[in-house]
Protein backbone atom coordinates (compact mmCIF):
# COMPACT_ATOMS: atom_id res chain seq x y z
CA MET A 1 39.66 -47.49 33.93
CA ARG A 2 40.85 -43.99 33.19
CA LEU A 3 38.43 -41.25 34.31
CA THR A 4 37.99 -38.52 31.71
CA MET A 5 35.91 -35.40 32.30
CA HIS A 6 34.14 -33.67 29.40
CA THR A 7 32.84 -30.17 30.11
CA PHE A 8 31.37 -27.33 28.06
CA LEU A 9 32.48 -23.97 29.47
CA THR A 10 31.97 -20.29 28.75
CA VAL A 11 35.01 -18.02 28.72
CA ASP A 12 34.13 -16.99 32.28
CA GLY A 13 33.96 -20.62 33.38
CA VAL A 14 30.20 -21.26 33.50
CA LEU A 15 29.04 -24.82 32.80
CA GLN A 16 25.37 -24.46 33.73
CA ALA A 17 22.70 -25.50 31.19
CA PRO A 18 24.66 -25.45 27.93
CA GLY A 19 22.20 -27.59 26.00
CA GLY A 20 18.80 -25.93 26.27
CA PRO A 21 16.73 -23.10 27.78
CA ASN A 22 15.00 -25.33 30.33
CA GLU A 23 17.96 -27.49 31.29
CA ASP A 24 18.80 -25.84 34.61
CA SER A 25 17.29 -22.54 35.78
CA ASP A 26 18.61 -22.94 39.33
CA ALA A 27 19.31 -19.59 41.06
CA GLY A 28 17.40 -17.78 38.31
CA PHE A 29 19.82 -18.75 35.52
CA GLU A 30 18.47 -17.24 32.28
CA HIS A 31 21.07 -18.28 29.72
CA GLY A 32 20.22 -21.94 29.09
CA GLY A 33 21.23 -23.24 25.68
CA TRP A 34 24.29 -21.03 25.28
CA SER A 35 26.39 -23.70 23.50
CA ALA A 36 23.91 -24.57 20.73
CA PRO A 37 24.77 -21.70 18.32
CA TYR A 38 28.36 -22.97 18.07
CA ASP A 39 27.63 -26.51 16.86
CA ASP A 40 29.50 -27.49 13.69
CA GLN A 41 31.25 -30.44 12.05
CA ASP A 42 34.47 -29.89 14.01
CA PHE A 43 32.58 -30.01 17.28
CA GLY A 44 30.70 -33.13 16.22
CA ALA A 45 33.90 -34.89 15.16
CA ALA A 46 35.54 -34.18 18.52
CA MET A 47 32.57 -35.51 20.47
CA THR A 48 32.25 -38.60 18.29
CA GLY A 49 35.94 -39.35 18.69
CA TRP A 50 35.68 -39.18 22.48
CA PHE A 51 32.54 -41.30 22.68
CA ASP A 52 34.32 -43.93 20.59
CA GLN A 53 36.78 -44.33 23.48
CA ALA A 54 34.15 -44.83 26.19
CA ASP A 55 33.80 -48.09 28.10
CA ALA A 56 31.39 -46.73 30.72
CA PHE A 57 29.81 -43.47 31.87
CA LEU A 58 29.67 -41.80 35.28
CA LEU A 59 26.88 -39.24 35.60
CA GLY A 60 25.35 -36.99 38.21
CA ARG A 61 21.60 -37.01 38.78
CA THR A 62 20.69 -33.98 36.66
CA THR A 63 22.77 -34.97 33.65
CA TYR A 64 21.55 -38.56 33.91
CA GLN A 65 17.92 -37.45 33.86
CA ILE A 66 18.51 -35.12 30.90
CA PHE A 67 20.29 -37.85 28.94
CA ALA A 68 17.72 -40.52 29.90
CA SER A 69 14.86 -38.36 28.64
CA TYR A 70 16.46 -37.98 25.19
CA TRP A 71 18.99 -40.60 24.13
CA PRO A 72 16.84 -43.75 24.46
CA LYS A 73 14.59 -42.23 21.80
CA VAL A 74 17.50 -42.11 19.36
CA THR A 75 17.34 -45.67 18.01
CA ASP A 76 19.54 -45.37 14.92
CA PRO A 77 22.31 -47.96 15.50
CA GLY A 78 24.58 -45.84 13.33
CA ASN A 79 24.42 -42.86 15.68
CA PRO A 80 27.88 -42.89 17.31
CA ILE A 81 26.78 -41.20 20.53
CA ALA A 82 23.40 -42.86 21.06
CA SER A 83 24.84 -46.31 20.38
CA LYS A 84 27.35 -45.84 23.20
CA LEU A 85 25.03 -44.19 25.71
CA ASN A 86 22.22 -46.66 25.17
CA THR A 87 24.35 -49.79 25.54
CA LEU A 88 27.36 -49.16 27.79
CA PRO A 89 27.22 -49.22 31.62
CA LYS A 90 26.05 -46.00 33.23
CA TYR A 91 26.86 -45.34 36.89
CA VAL A 92 24.75 -42.67 38.54
CA ALA A 93 25.84 -40.66 41.58
CA SER A 94 22.70 -39.53 43.40
CA THR A 95 21.39 -39.37 46.94
CA THR A 96 17.79 -38.75 45.85
CA LEU A 97 17.05 -41.17 42.99
CA GLN A 98 15.56 -44.47 44.10
CA ASP A 99 16.01 -46.34 40.84
CA VAL A 100 17.37 -45.79 37.34
CA GLY A 101 15.40 -47.28 34.47
CA TRP A 102 17.61 -46.52 31.47
CA HIS A 103 19.17 -49.71 30.11
CA ASN A 104 22.41 -50.79 31.84
CA SER A 105 22.21 -48.06 34.50
CA SER A 106 23.02 -48.52 38.18
CA LEU A 107 23.07 -46.27 41.23
CA LEU A 108 26.26 -45.78 43.18
CA GLY A 109 25.53 -46.42 46.82
CA GLY A 110 27.22 -45.15 49.95
CA ASP A 111 30.41 -43.13 49.63
CA VAL A 112 30.57 -41.84 46.04
CA VAL A 113 34.30 -41.10 46.28
CA ALA A 114 35.06 -44.65 47.40
CA GLU A 115 32.71 -46.12 44.79
CA VAL A 116 34.34 -44.14 41.98
CA ALA A 117 37.80 -45.20 43.16
CA LYS A 118 36.63 -48.83 42.90
CA LEU A 119 35.27 -48.25 39.39
CA LYS A 120 38.64 -46.85 38.32
CA GLU A 121 40.32 -50.06 39.47
CA ARG A 122 38.28 -52.13 37.02
CA PRO A 123 39.83 -53.17 33.71
CA GLY A 124 38.85 -51.17 30.67
CA GLY A 125 39.49 -47.98 28.80
CA GLU A 126 37.63 -44.81 29.73
CA LEU A 127 35.09 -44.06 32.43
CA GLN A 128 33.64 -40.84 31.02
CA VAL A 129 32.00 -38.01 32.94
CA HIS A 130 29.86 -35.63 30.86
CA GLY A 131 28.42 -32.47 32.41
CA SER A 132 27.44 -33.45 35.98
CA GLY A 133 28.76 -30.26 37.56
CA GLN A 134 28.29 -31.11 41.23
CA LEU A 135 29.74 -34.59 40.78
CA ALA A 136 32.63 -33.12 38.78
CA GLN A 137 33.52 -30.81 41.65
CA THR A 138 33.61 -33.74 44.06
CA LEU A 139 35.88 -35.69 41.70
CA ILE A 140 38.20 -32.70 41.34
CA ASP A 141 38.38 -32.18 45.10
CA HIS A 142 39.41 -35.82 45.62
CA ASP A 143 41.93 -35.95 42.76
CA LEU A 144 40.01 -38.63 40.83
CA VAL A 145 40.21 -37.04 37.36
CA ASP A 146 42.84 -38.47 35.00
CA GLU A 147 42.12 -36.18 32.07
CA TYR A 148 40.13 -33.00 31.54
CA ARG A 149 38.57 -32.37 28.13
CA LEU A 150 37.39 -28.78 28.25
CA LEU A 151 35.49 -27.10 25.43
CA THR A 152 35.51 -23.33 25.89
CA PHE A 153 32.86 -21.48 23.90
CA PRO A 154 33.30 -17.84 22.79
CA VAL A 155 30.69 -16.37 25.12
CA HIS A 156 30.67 -14.98 28.65
CA LEU A 157 27.54 -14.87 30.79
CA GLY A 158 28.43 -13.18 34.06
CA SER A 159 26.56 -15.69 36.23
CA GLY A 160 26.02 -19.40 36.62
CA LYS A 161 27.54 -22.52 38.13
CA LYS A 162 31.22 -23.09 37.48
CA LEU A 163 33.40 -26.16 37.14
CA PHE A 164 36.23 -24.84 39.31
CA ARG A 165 34.29 -23.28 42.16
CA ASP A 166 35.60 -20.89 44.77
CA GLY A 167 37.41 -22.88 47.41
CA ALA A 168 38.34 -25.75 45.10
CA ARG A 169 41.65 -27.47 45.76
CA ALA A 170 44.52 -25.63 44.07
CA ALA A 171 46.34 -27.78 41.49
CA ALA A 172 48.40 -27.54 38.32
CA LEU A 173 47.37 -28.95 34.93
CA ARG A 174 49.49 -29.97 31.94
CA LEU A 175 48.16 -29.19 28.47
CA THR A 176 48.30 -32.30 26.25
CA SER A 177 46.44 -31.10 23.14
CA THR A 178 44.51 -28.18 21.77
CA SER A 179 42.42 -27.41 18.71
CA SER A 180 39.62 -25.08 17.66
CA THR A 181 36.40 -25.36 15.68
CA SER A 182 35.15 -23.19 12.83
CA THR A 183 32.81 -21.41 15.27
CA GLY A 184 35.59 -20.54 17.71
CA VAL A 185 35.25 -23.27 20.34
CA ILE A 186 38.63 -24.02 21.91
CA ILE A 187 39.07 -27.73 22.68
CA ALA A 188 41.84 -28.34 25.19
CA THR A 189 42.82 -31.49 27.03
CA TYR A 190 44.76 -31.46 30.27
CA GLU A 191 46.21 -33.95 32.72
CA PRO A 192 46.77 -33.29 36.44
CA ASP A 193 50.29 -32.03 37.11
CA GLY A 194 50.62 -31.99 40.86
CA PRO A 195 50.04 -29.11 43.25
CA ALA A 196 49.81 -25.51 42.10
CA ARG A 197 53.26 -23.91 41.77
CA TYR A 198 54.14 -20.34 42.60
CA GLY A 199 56.90 -17.90 41.79
CA SER A 200 57.66 -14.26 41.17
CA PHE A 201 58.71 -12.10 38.21
CA ALA A 202 60.39 -9.65 40.56
């Protein structure tokens, strides 16, 4: 399977708590819900199109618990996101959860990096990562991401957890597509393009 990473970002790179005020207040974060004002039809169409390509999901503990508290309640079989999340396999990377009760969910045991590498060897289309900031950083550090789908919202917050943290492995990316929504969200997809390259204008 091909591992695709879907991340909502501010212009200054923050991914923390985009969906609601109480999503993640870790380290005193006060800006939860910053993505909601920018929802529109363009945004919905992009998300629906990506979910249509999913064969399985890989989630960190926090994102899994947020999703599991909401999506099972959405029972409309015509909902393109709920129908995928509620039926497809969900693999959860956590060292603290003891069990996962959402339908078709399973915990990854032992070495998460090795377990994800095994998942990628399975036949299928996309293994999708949504949110899951800490897990995402681990996947980036071990070169396990095949495609980045980054949605950059027109807001900067000045604080919060970031996708590409200080000390992350330096690497180049190749832009494969870009578009924008009516509310100014930039949707860009990238593929890894080897190590970071350097030069000089002098």
